[in-house]
Amino acid sequence: MQHITLDPNICHGKPCRRGLRYLVEWILELLSSGMNSKEIIDDYDDLEHEDILAALLFAARLTQVKSIYLVL
């Protein structure tokens, strides 16, 4: 998880790749659009395979909650 940082001065505190402006949500969107990790790394040479795995781990941890409440 050391690849993901939360800094209120970067991207409004959203989780991103090691203090840079590659948001976890953006990496997940690239993956969900059908790109694989090699394609992402080829297009964005600042990223490493471990960054993509860290984004997936971060998302997996967010889903490990005991309850989800509907807020209206």
C-alpha atoms as a PDB file:
ATOM      1  CA  MET A   1       0.000   0.000   0.000  1.00  0.00           C
ATOM      2  CA  GLN A   2       3.024   2.297   0.013  1.00  0.00           C
ATOM      3  CA  HIS A   3       2.290   3.015  -3.667  1.00  0.00           C
ATOM      4  CA  ILE A   4      -0.962   4.802  -2.752  1.00  0.00           C
ATOM      5  CA  THR A   5      -0.918   8.122  -0.920  1.00  0.00           C
ATOM      6  CA  LEU A   6      -3.568  10.420   0.497  1.00  0.00           C
ATOM      7  CA  ASP A   7      -2.481  14.051   0.629  1.00  0.00           C
ATOM      8  CA  PRO A   8      -4.978  16.892   1.043  1.00  0.00           C
ATOM      9  CA  ASN A   9      -2.718  19.070  -1.140  1.00  0.00           C
ATOM     10  CA  ILE A  10      -2.766  16.650  -4.076  1.00  0.00           C
ATOM     11  CA  CYS A  11      -5.993  15.905  -5.984  1.00  0.00           C
ATOM     12  CA  HIS A  12      -8.099  17.189  -3.068  1.00  0.00           C
ATOM     13  CA  GLY A  13      -6.924  14.318  -0.875  1.00  0.00           C
ATOM     14  CA  LYS A  14      -8.194  11.547  -3.155  1.00  0.00           C
ATOM     15  CA  PRO A  15      -6.076   8.377  -3.162  1.00  0.00           C
ATOM     16  CA  CYS A  16      -3.442   8.539  -5.867  1.00  0.00           C
ATOM     17  CA  ARG A  17      -0.239   6.923  -6.979  1.00  0.00           C
ATOM     18  CA  ARG A  18       2.686   7.849  -4.696  1.00  0.00           C
ATOM     19  CA  GLY A  19       1.885  11.532  -4.412  1.00  0.00           C
ATOM     20  CA  LEU A  20       1.446  12.104  -8.130  1.00  0.00           C
ATOM     21  CA  ARG A  21      -1.770  12.958  -9.899  1.00  0.00           C
ATOM     22  CA  TYR A  22      -2.648   9.443 -11.068  1.00  0.00           C
ATOM     23  CA  LEU A  23      -5.863   8.816  -9.135  1.00  0.00           C
ATOM     24  CA  VAL A  24      -6.732   5.300  -8.025  1.00  0.00           C
ATOM     25  CA  GLU A  25     -10.206   5.798  -9.522  1.00  0.00           C
ATOM     26  CA  TRP A  26      -8.642   6.753 -12.876  1.00  0.00           C
ATOM     27  CA  ILE A  27      -6.433   3.634 -12.923  1.00  0.00           C
ATOM     28  CA  LEU A  28      -9.496   1.514 -12.145  1.00  0.00           C
ATOM     29  CA  GLU A  29     -11.435   3.210 -14.949  1.00  0.00           C
ATOM     30  CA  LEU A  30      -8.647   2.402 -17.411  1.00  0.00           C
ATOM     31  CA  LEU A  31      -8.728  -1.239 -16.328  1.00  0.00           C
ATOM     32  CA  SER A  32     -12.517  -1.411 -16.511  1.00  0.00           C
ATOM     33  CA  SER A  33     -12.458   0.096 -20.009  1.00  0.00           C
ATOM     34  CA  GLY A  34     -10.567  -2.984 -21.161  1.00  0.00           C
ATOM     35  CA  MET A  35      -6.962  -1.834 -20.995  1.00  0.00           C
ATOM     36  CA  ASN A  36      -4.559  -4.279 -19.425  1.00  0.00           C
ATOM     37  CA  SER A  37      -1.726  -3.257 -17.137  1.00  0.00           C
ATOM     38  CA  LYS A  38       0.896  -3.494 -19.890  1.00  0.00           C
ATOM     39  CA  GLU A  39      -1.099  -1.111 -22.110  1.00  0.00           C
ATOM     40  CA  ILE A  40      -1.491   1.343 -19.249  1.00  0.00           C
ATOM     41  CA  ILE A  41       2.210   1.230 -18.404  1.00  0.00           C
ATOM     42  CA  ASP A  42       3.111   1.664 -22.085  1.00  0.00           C
ATOM     43  CA  ASP A  43       0.898   4.774 -22.296  1.00  0.00           C
ATOM     44  CA  TYR A  44       1.919   6.257 -18.924  1.00  0.00           C
ATOM     45  CA  ASP A  45       5.592   5.572 -18.259  1.00  0.00           C
ATOM     46  CA  ASP A  46       5.415   7.081 -14.742  1.00  0.00           C
ATOM     47  CA  LEU A  47       3.311   4.095 -13.703  1.00  0.00           C
ATOM     48  CA  GLU A  48       4.674   0.706 -12.717  1.00  0.00           C
ATOM     49  CA  HIS A  49       2.975  -2.670 -12.500  1.00  0.00           C
ATOM     50  CA  GLU A  50       3.063  -2.417  -8.689  1.00  0.00           C
ATOM     51  CA  ASP A  51       1.075   0.857  -8.888  1.00  0.00           C
ATOM     52  CA  ILE A  52      -1.731  -0.892 -10.743  1.00  0.00           C
ATOM     53  CA  LEU A  53      -1.739  -3.779  -8.283  1.00  0.00           C
ATOM     54  CA  ALA A  54      -1.800  -1.282  -5.398  1.00  0.00           C
ATOM     55  CA  ALA A  55      -4.826   0.480  -6.937  1.00  0.00           C
ATOM     56  CA  LEU A  56      -6.632  -2.863  -7.168  1.00  0.00           C
ATOM     57  CA  LEU A  57      -5.703  -3.746  -3.588  1.00  0.00           C
ATOM     58  CA  PHE A  58      -6.898  -0.331  -2.388  1.00  0.00           C
ATOM     59  CA  ALA A  59     -10.250  -0.848  -4.140  1.00  0.00           C
ATOM     60  CA  ALA A  60     -10.548  -4.367  -2.729  1.00  0.00           C
ATOM     61  CA  ARG A  61      -9.938  -3.078   0.787  1.00  0.00           C
ATOM     62  CA  LEU A  62     -12.666  -0.452   0.341  1.00  0.00           C
ATOM     63  CA  THR A  63     -15.174  -3.199  -0.401  1.00  0.00           C
ATOM     64  CA  GLN A  64     -14.297  -5.106   2.770  1.00  0.00           C
ATOM     65  CA  VAL A  65     -16.940  -3.453   4.907  1.00  0.00           C
ATOM     66  CA  LYS A  66     -19.375  -5.115   7.258  1.00  0.00           C
ATOM     67  CA  SER A  67     -22.437  -3.133   6.219  1.00  0.00           C
ATOM     68  CA  ILE A  68     -23.538  -0.769   3.510  1.00  0.00           C
ATOM     69  CA  TYR A  69     -26.277   1.722   4.312  1.00  0.00           C
ATOM     70  CA  LEU A  70     -28.510   3.444   1.795  1.00  0.00           C
ATOM     71  CA  VAL A  71     -28.327   7.193   2.289  1.00  0.00           C
ATOM     72  CA  LEU A  72     -31.129   9.251   0.827  1.00  0.00           C
END
